[in-house]
């Protein structure tokens, strides 16, 4: 659940910053959660 919300934090941040790096970080957390 913590990994999921880490992804959500950076997804929300990306929607405000419009930075690809924030969306990349969000994807990384989501992938780590789904893989682990």
ModelCIF file with pLDDT and N, C-alpha, C, O atoms, coordinates in Angstrom:
data_MODEL
#
_entry.id   MODEL 
#
_entity.id                         1 
_entity.type                       polymer 
_entity.pdbx_number_of_molecules   1 
#
_entity_poly.entity_id                      1 
_entity_poly.type                           'polypeptide(L)' 
_entity_poly.nstd_linkage                   no 
_entity_poly.nstd_monomer                   no 
_entity_poly.pdbx_seq_one_letter_code       
;(UNK)(UNK)(UNK)(UNK)(UNK)(UNK)(UNK)(UNK)(UNK)(UNK)(UNK)(UNK)(UNK)(UNK)(UNK)(UNK)
(UNK)(UNK)(UNK)(UNK)(UNK)(UNK)(UNK)(UNK)(UNK)(UNK)(UNK)(UNK)(UNK)(UNK)(UNK)(UNK)
(UNK)(UNK)(UNK)(UNK)
;
_entity_poly.pdbx_seq_one_letter_code_can   XXXXXXXXXXXXXXXXXXXXXXXXXXXXXXXXXXXX 
_entity_poly.pdbx_strand_id                 A 
#
loop_
_entity_poly_seq.entity_id 
_entity_poly_seq.num 
_entity_poly_seq.mon_id 
_entity_poly_seq.hetero 
1 1  UNK n 
1 2  UNK n 
1 3  UNK n 
1 4  UNK n 
1 5  UNK n 
1 6  UNK n 
1 7  UNK n 
1 8  UNK n 
1 9  UNK n 
1 10 UNK n 
1 11 UNK n 
1 12 UNK n 
1 13 UNK n 
1 14 UNK n 
1 15 UNK n 
1 16 UNK n 
1 17 UNK n 
1 18 UNK n 
1 19 UNK n 
1 20 UNK n 
1 21 UNK n 
1 22 UNK n 
1 23 UNK n 
1 24 UNK n 
1 25 UNK n 
1 26 UNK n 
1 27 UNK n 
1 28 UNK n 
1 29 UNK n 
1 30 UNK n 
1 31 UNK n 
1 32 UNK n 
1 33 UNK n 
1 34 UNK n 
1 35 UNK n 
1 36 UNK n 
#
_struct_asym.id          A 
_struct_asym.entity_id   1 
#
loop_
_ma_qa_metric.id 
_ma_qa_metric.mode 
_ma_qa_metric.name 
_ma_qa_metric.software_group_id 
_ma_qa_metric.type 
1 global pLDDT . pLDDT 
2 local  pLDDT . pLDDT 
#
_ma_qa_metric_global.metric_id      1 
_ma_qa_metric_global.metric_value   90.58 
_ma_qa_metric_global.model_id       1 
_ma_qa_metric_global.ordinal_id     1 
#
loop_
_ma_qa_metric_local.label_asym_id 
_ma_qa_metric_local.label_comp_id 
_ma_qa_metric_local.label_seq_id 
_ma_qa_metric_local.metric_id 
_ma_qa_metric_local.metric_value 
_ma_qa_metric_local.model_id 
_ma_qa_metric_local.ordinal_id 
A UNK 1  2 95.00 1 1  
A UNK 2  2 94.00 1 2  
A UNK 3  2 93.00 1 3  
A UNK 4  2 96.00 1 4  
A UNK 5  2 96.00 1 5  
A UNK 6  2 95.00 1 6  
A UNK 7  2 95.00 1 7  
A UNK 8  2 96.00 1 8  
A UNK 9  2 95.00 1 9  
A UNK 10 2 94.00 1 10 
A UNK 11 2 95.00 1 11 
A UNK 12 2 94.00 1 12 
A UNK 13 2 93.00 1 13 
A UNK 14 2 93.00 1 14 
A UNK 15 2 93.00 1 15 
A UNK 16 2 92.00 1 16 
A UNK 17 2 90.00 1 17 
A UNK 18 2 90.00 1 18 
A UNK 19 2 91.00 1 19 
A UNK 20 2 88.00 1 20 
A UNK 21 2 87.00 1 21 
A UNK 22 2 91.00 1 22 
A UNK 23 2 93.00 1 23 
A UNK 24 2 88.00 1 24 
A UNK 25 2 89.00 1 25 
A UNK 26 2 92.00 1 26 
A UNK 27 2 89.00 1 27 
A UNK 28 2 84.00 1 28 
A UNK 29 2 90.00 1 29 
A UNK 30 2 91.00 1 30 
A UNK 31 2 82.00 1 31 
A UNK 32 2 84.00 1 32 
A UNK 33 2 89.00 1 33 
A UNK 34 2 86.00 1 34 
A UNK 35 2 76.00 1 35 
A UNK 36 2 82.00 1 36 
#
loop_
_atom_site.group_PDB 
_atom_site.id 
_atom_site.type_symbol 
_atom_site.label_atom_id 
_atom_site.label_alt_id 
_atom_site.label_comp_id 
_atom_site.label_asym_id 
_atom_site.label_entity_id 
_atom_site.label_seq_id 
_atom_site.pdbx_PDB_ins_code 
_atom_site.Cartn_x 
_atom_site.Cartn_y 
_atom_site.Cartn_z 
_atom_site.occupancy 
_atom_site.B_iso_or_equiv 
_atom_site.pdbx_formal_charge 
_atom_site.auth_seq_id 
_atom_site.auth_comp_id 
_atom_site.auth_asym_id 
_atom_site.auth_atom_id 
_atom_site.pdbx_PDB_model_num 
ATOM 1   N N  . UNK A 1 1  ? 0.834  -1.203 0.000   1.00 95.00 ? 1  UNK A N  1 
ATOM 2   C CA . UNK A 1 1  ? 0.000  0.000  0.000   1.00 95.00 ? 1  UNK A CA 1 
ATOM 3   C C  . UNK A 1 1  ? 0.872  1.257  0.000   1.00 95.00 ? 1  UNK A C  1 
ATOM 4   O O  . UNK A 1 1  ? 0.539  2.255  -0.641  1.00 95.00 ? 1  UNK A O  1 
ATOM 5   N N  . UNK A 1 2  ? 1.992  1.197  0.727   1.00 94.00 ? 2  UNK A N  1 
ATOM 6   C CA . UNK A 1 2  ? 2.897  2.344  0.750   1.00 94.00 ? 2  UNK A CA 1 
ATOM 7   C C  . UNK A 1 2  ? 3.485  2.595  -0.639  1.00 94.00 ? 2  UNK A C  1 
ATOM 8   O O  . UNK A 1 2  ? 3.595  3.741  -1.075  1.00 94.00 ? 2  UNK A O  1 
ATOM 9   N N  . UNK A 1 3  ? 3.863  1.515  -1.331  1.00 93.00 ? 3  UNK A N  1 
ATOM 10  C CA . UNK A 1 3  ? 4.399  1.662  -2.689  1.00 93.00 ? 3  UNK A CA 1 
ATOM 11  C C  . UNK A 1 3  ? 3.335  2.229  -3.634  1.00 93.00 ? 3  UNK A C  1 
ATOM 12  O O  . UNK A 1 3  ? 3.632  3.074  -4.478  1.00 93.00 ? 3  UNK A O  1 
ATOM 13  N N  . UNK A 1 4  ? 2.109  1.762  -3.486  1.00 96.00 ? 4  UNK A N  1 
ATOM 14  C CA . UNK A 1 4  ? 1.022  2.279  -4.319  1.00 96.00 ? 4  UNK A CA 1 
ATOM 15  C C  . UNK A 1 4  ? 0.877  3.791  -4.123  1.00 96.00 ? 4  UNK A C  1 
ATOM 16  O O  . UNK A 1 4  ? 0.764  4.539  -5.094  1.00 96.00 ? 4  UNK A O  1 
ATOM 17  N N  . UNK A 1 5  ? 0.881  4.235  -2.859  1.00 96.00 ? 5  UNK A N  1 
ATOM 18  C CA . UNK A 1 5  ? 0.686  5.662  -2.617  1.00 96.00 ? 5  UNK A CA 1 
ATOM 19  C C  . UNK A 1 5  ? 1.927  6.482  -2.972  1.00 96.00 ? 5  UNK A C  1 
ATOM 20  O O  . UNK A 1 5  ? 1.812  7.672  -3.262  1.00 96.00 ? 5  UNK A O  1 
ATOM 21  N N  . UNK A 1 6  ? 3.092  5.872  -2.954  1.00 95.00 ? 6  UNK A N  1 
ATOM 22  C CA . UNK A 1 6  ? 4.273  6.562  -3.475  1.00 95.00 ? 6  UNK A CA 1 
ATOM 23  C C  . UNK A 1 6  ? 4.090  6.838  -4.967  1.00 95.00 ? 6  UNK A C  1 
ATOM 24  O O  . UNK A 1 6  ? 4.462  7.901  -5.464  1.00 95.00 ? 6  UNK A O  1 
ATOM 25  N N  . UNK A 1 7  ? 3.511  5.867  -5.669  1.00 95.00 ? 7  UNK A N  1 
ATOM 26  C CA . UNK A 1 7  ? 3.190  6.094  -7.074  1.00 95.00 ? 7  UNK A CA 1 
ATOM 27  C C  . UNK A 1 7  ? 2.138  7.186  -7.241  1.00 95.00 ? 7  UNK A C  1 
ATOM 28  O O  . UNK A 1 7  ? 2.248  8.025  -8.135  1.00 95.00 ? 7  UNK A O  1 
ATOM 29  N N  . UNK A 1 8  ? 1.127  7.174  -6.388  1.00 96.00 ? 8  UNK A N  1 
ATOM 30  C CA . UNK A 1 8  ? 0.075  8.182  -6.458  1.00 96.00 ? 8  UNK A CA 1 
ATOM 31  C C  . UNK A 1 8  ? 0.621  9.584  -6.174  1.00 96.00 ? 8  UNK A C  1 
ATOM 32  O O  . UNK A 1 8  ? 0.216  10.555 -6.812  1.00 96.00 ? 8  UNK A O  1 
ATOM 33  N N  . UNK A 1 9  ? 1.543  9.683  -5.211  1.00 95.00 ? 9  UNK A N  1 
ATOM 34  C CA . UNK A 1 9  ? 2.128  10.989 -4.878  1.00 95.00 ? 9  UNK A CA 1 
ATOM 35  C C  . UNK A 1 9  ? 2.793  11.594 -6.108  1.00 95.00 ? 9  UNK A C  1 
ATOM 36  O O  . UNK A 1 9  ? 2.571  12.761 -6.431  1.00 95.00 ? 9  UNK A O  1 
ATOM 37  N N  . UNK A 1 10 ? 3.611  10.796 -6.793  1.00 94.00 ? 10 UNK A N  1 
ATOM 38  C CA . UNK A 1 10 ? 4.333  11.341 -7.947  1.00 94.00 ? 10 UNK A CA 1 
ATOM 39  C C  . UNK A 1 10 ? 3.424  11.500 -9.166  1.00 94.00 ? 10 UNK A C  1 
ATOM 40  O O  . UNK A 1 10 ? 3.705  12.322 -10.038 1.00 94.00 ? 10 UNK A O  1 
ATOM 41  N N  . UNK A 1 11 ? 2.345  10.730 -9.238  1.00 95.00 ? 11 UNK A N  1 
ATOM 42  C CA . UNK A 1 11 ? 1.377  10.947 -10.311 1.00 95.00 ? 11 UNK A CA 1 
ATOM 43  C C  . UNK A 1 11 ? 0.683  12.302 -10.115 1.00 95.00 ? 11 UNK A C  1 
ATOM 44  O O  . UNK A 1 11 ? 0.536  13.077 -11.060 1.00 95.00 ? 11 UNK A O  1 
ATOM 45  N N  . UNK A 1 12 ? 0.260  12.574 -8.874  1.00 94.00 ? 12 UNK A N  1 
ATOM 46  C CA . UNK A 1 12 ? -0.364 13.868 -8.583  1.00 94.00 ? 12 UNK A CA 1 
ATOM 47  C C  . UNK A 1 12 ? 0.629  15.017 -8.796  1.00 94.00 ? 12 UNK A C  1 
ATOM 48  O O  . UNK A 1 12 ? 0.272  16.077 -9.310  1.00 94.00 ? 12 UNK A O  1 
ATOM 49  N N  . UNK A 1 13 ? 1.869  14.786 -8.393  1.00 93.00 ? 13 UNK A N  1 
ATOM 50  C CA . UNK A 1 13 ? 2.896  15.804 -8.571  1.00 93.00 ? 13 UNK A CA 1 
ATOM 51  C C  . UNK A 1 13 ? 3.122  16.084 -10.060 1.00 93.00 ? 13 UNK A C  1 
ATOM 52  O O  . UNK A 1 13 ? 3.273  17.237 -10.463 1.00 93.00 ? 13 UNK A O  1 
ATOM 53  N N  . UNK A 1 14 ? 3.145  15.033 -10.865 1.00 93.00 ? 14 UNK A N  1 
ATOM 54  C CA . UNK A 1 14 ? 3.328  15.196 -12.304 1.00 93.00 ? 14 UNK A CA 1 
ATOM 55  C C  . UNK A 1 14 ? 2.194  15.962 -12.957 1.00 93.00 ? 14 UNK A C  1 
ATOM 56  O O  . UNK A 1 14 ? 2.412  16.714 -13.907 1.00 93.00 ? 14 UNK A O  1 
ATOM 57  N N  . UNK A 1 15 ? 0.983  15.776 -12.452 1.00 93.00 ? 15 UNK A N  1 
ATOM 58  C CA . UNK A 1 15 ? -0.167 16.499 -12.999 1.00 93.00 ? 15 UNK A CA 1 
ATOM 59  C C  . UNK A 1 15 ? -0.080 17.990 -12.719 1.00 93.00 ? 15 UNK A C  1 
ATOM 60  O O  . UNK A 1 15 ? -0.730 18.795 -13.387 1.00 93.00 ? 15 UNK A O  1 
ATOM 61  N N  . UNK A 1 16 ? 0.727  18.356 -11.727 1.00 92.00 ? 16 UNK A N  1 
ATOM 62  C CA . UNK A 1 16 ? 0.884  19.774 -11.392 1.00 92.00 ? 16 UNK A CA 1 
ATOM 63  C C  . UNK A 1 16 ? 2.180  20.359 -11.970 1.00 92.00 ? 16 UNK A C  1 
ATOM 64  O O  . UNK A 1 16 ? 2.225  21.528 -12.353 1.00 92.00 ? 16 UNK A O  1 
ATOM 65  N N  . UNK A 1 17 ? 3.240  19.525 -12.029 1.00 90.00 ? 17 UNK A N  1 
ATOM 66  C CA . UNK A 1 17 ? 4.529  20.024 -12.518 1.00 90.00 ? 17 UNK A CA 1 
ATOM 67  C C  . UNK A 1 17 ? 4.676  19.878 -14.026 1.00 90.00 ? 17 UNK A C  1 
ATOM 68  O O  . UNK A 1 17 ? 5.461  20.590 -14.654 1.00 90.00 ? 17 UNK A O  1 
ATOM 69  N N  . UNK A 1 18 ? 3.906  18.939 -14.610 1.00 90.00 ? 18 UNK A N  1 
ATOM 70  C CA . UNK A 1 18 ? 4.002  18.607 -16.042 1.00 90.00 ? 18 UNK A CA 1 
ATOM 71  C C  . UNK A 1 18 ? 5.399  18.104 -16.407 1.00 90.00 ? 18 UNK A C  1 
ATOM 72  O O  . UNK A 1 18 ? 5.809  18.192 -17.565 1.00 90.00 ? 18 UNK A O  1 
ATOM 73  N N  . UNK A 1 19 ? 6.131  17.577 -15.420 1.00 91.00 ? 19 UNK A N  1 
ATOM 74  C CA . UNK A 1 19 ? 7.466  17.050 -15.670 1.00 91.00 ? 19 UNK A CA 1 
ATOM 75  C C  . UNK A 1 19 ? 7.393  15.547 -15.944 1.00 91.00 ? 19 UNK A C  1 
ATOM 76  O O  . UNK A 1 19 ? 6.770  14.797 -15.193 1.00 91.00 ? 19 UNK A O  1 
ATOM 77  N N  . UNK A 1 20 ? 8.037  15.121 -17.030 1.00 88.00 ? 20 UNK A N  1 
ATOM 78  C CA . UNK A 1 20 ? 8.060  13.692 -17.355 1.00 88.00 ? 20 UNK A CA 1 
ATOM 79  C C  . UNK A 1 20 ? 8.740  12.894 -16.252 1.00 88.00 ? 20 UNK A C  1 
ATOM 80  O O  . UNK A 1 20 ? 8.378  11.744 -16.001 1.00 88.00 ? 20 UNK A O  1 
ATOM 81  N N  . UNK A 1 21 ? 9.738  13.508 -15.584 1.00 87.00 ? 21 UNK A N  1 
ATOM 82  C CA . UNK A 1 21 ? 10.467 12.798 -14.528 1.00 87.00 ? 21 UNK A CA 1 
ATOM 83  C C  . UNK A 1 21 ? 9.549  12.380 -13.393 1.00 87.00 ? 21 UNK A C  1 
ATOM 84  O O  . UNK A 1 21 ? 9.739  11.312 -12.811 1.00 87.00 ? 21 UNK A O  1 
ATOM 85  N N  . UNK A 1 22 ? 8.559  13.198 -13.067 1.00 91.00 ? 22 UNK A N  1 
ATOM 86  C CA . UNK A 1 22 ? 7.620  12.833 -12.002 1.00 91.00 ? 22 UNK A CA 1 
ATOM 87  C C  . UNK A 1 22 ? 6.759  11.648 -12.420 1.00 91.00 ? 22 UNK A C  1 
ATOM 88  O O  . UNK A 1 22 ? 6.498  10.747 -11.622 1.00 91.00 ? 22 UNK A O  1 
ATOM 89  N N  . UNK A 1 23 ? 6.323  11.656 -13.673 1.00 93.00 ? 23 UNK A N  1 
ATOM 90  C CA . UNK A 1 23 ? 5.531  10.522 -14.159 1.00 93.00 ? 23 UNK A CA 1 
ATOM 91  C C  . UNK A 1 23 ? 6.387  9.255  -14.250 1.00 93.00 ? 23 UNK A C  1 
ATOM 92  O O  . UNK A 1 23 ? 5.899  8.155  -13.989 1.00 93.00 ? 23 UNK A O  1 
ATOM 93  N N  . UNK A 1 24 ? 7.658  9.410  -14.619 1.00 88.00 ? 24 UNK A N  1 
ATOM 94  C CA . UNK A 1 24 ? 8.569  8.262  -14.660 1.00 88.00 ? 24 UNK A CA 1 
ATOM 95  C C  . UNK A 1 24 ? 8.712  7.648  -13.268 1.00 88.00 ? 24 UNK A C  1 
ATOM 96  O O  . UNK A 1 24 ? 8.669  6.427  -13.113 1.00 88.00 ? 24 UNK A O  1 
ATOM 97  N N  . UNK A 1 25 ? 8.881  8.501  -12.261 1.00 89.00 ? 25 UNK A N  1 
ATOM 98  C CA . UNK A 1 25 ? 9.016  8.011  -10.889 1.00 89.00 ? 25 UNK A CA 1 
ATOM 99  C C  . UNK A 1 25 ? 7.741  7.320  -10.430 1.00 89.00 ? 25 UNK A C  1 
ATOM 100 O O  . UNK A 1 25 ? 7.791  6.294  -9.753  1.00 89.00 ? 25 UNK A O  1 
ATOM 101 N N  . UNK A 1 26 ? 6.603  7.885  -10.800 1.00 92.00 ? 26 UNK A N  1 
ATOM 102 C CA . UNK A 1 26 ? 5.327  7.255  -10.463 1.00 92.00 ? 26 UNK A CA 1 
ATOM 103 C C  . UNK A 1 26 ? 5.242  5.859  -11.077 1.00 92.00 ? 26 UNK A C  1 
ATOM 104 O O  . UNK A 1 26 ? 4.859  4.903  -10.402 1.00 92.00 ? 26 UNK A O  1 
ATOM 105 N N  . UNK A 1 27 ? 5.597  5.743  -12.352 1.00 89.00 ? 27 UNK A N  1 
ATOM 106 C CA . UNK A 1 27 ? 5.567  4.437  -13.034 1.00 89.00 ? 27 UNK A CA 1 
ATOM 107 C C  . UNK A 1 27 ? 6.504  3.444  -12.363 1.00 89.00 ? 27 UNK A C  1 
ATOM 108 O O  . UNK A 1 27 ? 6.196  2.257  -12.260 1.00 89.00 ? 27 UNK A O  1 
ATOM 109 N N  . UNK A 1 28 ? 7.651  3.940  -11.908 1.00 84.00 ? 28 UNK A N  1 
ATOM 110 C CA . UNK A 1 28 ? 8.618  3.058  -11.258 1.00 84.00 ? 28 UNK A CA 1 
ATOM 111 C C  . UNK A 1 28 ? 8.045  2.485  -9.962  1.00 84.00 ? 28 UNK A C  1 
ATOM 112 O O  . UNK A 1 28 ? 8.188  1.292  -9.696  1.00 84.00 ? 28 UNK A O  1 
ATOM 113 N N  . UNK A 1 29 ? 7.397  3.328  -9.157  1.00 90.00 ? 29 UNK A N  1 
ATOM 114 C CA . UNK A 1 29 ? 6.796  2.832  -7.910  1.00 90.00 ? 29 UNK A CA 1 
ATOM 115 C C  . UNK A 1 29 ? 5.662  1.843  -8.206  1.00 90.00 ? 29 UNK A C  1 
ATOM 116 O O  . UNK A 1 29 ? 5.553  0.807  -7.551  1.00 90.00 ? 29 UNK A O  1 
ATOM 117 N N  . UNK A 1 30 ? 4.826  2.163  -9.185  1.00 91.00 ? 30 UNK A N  1 
ATOM 118 C CA . UNK A 1 30 ? 3.738  1.245  -9.535  1.00 91.00 ? 30 UNK A CA 1 
ATOM 119 C C  . UNK A 1 30 ? 4.286  -0.108 -9.997  1.00 91.00 ? 30 UNK A C  1 
ATOM 120 O O  . UNK A 1 30 ? 3.759  -1.160 -9.636  1.00 91.00 ? 30 UNK A O  1 
ATOM 121 N N  . UNK A 1 31 ? 5.350  -0.061 -10.801 1.00 82.00 ? 31 UNK A N  1 
ATOM 122 C CA . UNK A 1 31 ? 5.930  -1.306 -11.292 1.00 82.00 ? 31 UNK A CA 1 
ATOM 123 C C  . UNK A 1 31 ? 6.543  -2.118 -10.156 1.00 82.00 ? 31 UNK A C  1 
ATOM 124 O O  . UNK A 1 31 ? 6.411  -3.342 -10.121 1.00 82.00 ? 31 UNK A O  1 
ATOM 125 N N  . UNK A 1 32 ? 7.215  -1.435 -9.227  1.00 84.00 ? 32 UNK A N  1 
ATOM 126 C CA . UNK A 1 32 ? 7.821  -2.138 -8.096  1.00 84.00 ? 32 UNK A CA 1 
ATOM 127 C C  . UNK A 1 32 ? 6.756  -2.819 -7.252  1.00 84.00 ? 32 UNK A C  1 
ATOM 128 O O  . UNK A 1 32 ? 6.952  -3.944 -6.791  1.00 84.00 ? 32 UNK A O  1 
ATOM 129 N N  . UNK A 1 33 ? 5.645  -2.152 -7.050  1.00 89.00 ? 33 UNK A N  1 
ATOM 130 C CA . UNK A 1 33 ? 4.575  -2.750 -6.252  1.00 89.00 ? 33 UNK A CA 1 
ATOM 131 C C  . UNK A 1 33 ? 4.006  -3.975 -6.961  1.00 89.00 ? 33 UNK A C  1 
ATOM 132 O O  . UNK A 1 33 ? 3.852  -5.032 -6.349  1.00 89.00 ? 33 UNK A O  1 
ATOM 133 N N  . UNK A 1 34 ? 3.692  -3.836 -8.260  1.00 86.00 ? 34 UNK A N  1 
ATOM 134 C CA . UNK A 1 34 ? 3.079  -4.942 -9.000  1.00 86.00 ? 34 UNK A CA 1 
ATOM 135 C C  . UNK A 1 34 ? 4.028  -6.124 -9.142  1.00 86.00 ? 34 UNK A C  1 
ATOM 136 O O  . UNK A 1 34 ? 3.589  -7.273 -9.189  1.00 86.00 ? 34 UNK A O  1 
ATOM 137 N N  . UNK A 1 35 ? 5.334  -5.846 -9.210  1.00 76.00 ? 35 UNK A N  1 
ATOM 138 C CA . UNK A 1 35 ? 6.321  -6.921 -9.352  1.00 76.00 ? 35 UNK A CA 1 
ATOM 139 C C  . UNK A 1 35 ? 6.574  -7.623 -8.033  1.00 76.00 ? 35 UNK A C  1 
ATOM 140 O O  . UNK A 1 35 ? 6.671  -8.850 -7.989  1.00 76.00 ? 35 UNK A O  1 
ATOM 141 N N  . UNK A 1 36 ? 6.682  -6.849 -6.947  1.00 82.00 ? 36 UNK A N  1 
ATOM 142 C CA . UNK A 1 36 ? 6.980  -7.445 -5.644  1.00 82.00 ? 36 UNK A CA 1 
ATOM 143 C C  . UNK A 1 36 ? 5.765  -8.106 -5.013  1.00 82.00 ? 36 UNK A C  1 
ATOM 144 O O  . UNK A 1 36 ? 5.860  -8.651 -3.914  1.00 82.00 ? 36 UNK A O  1 
#
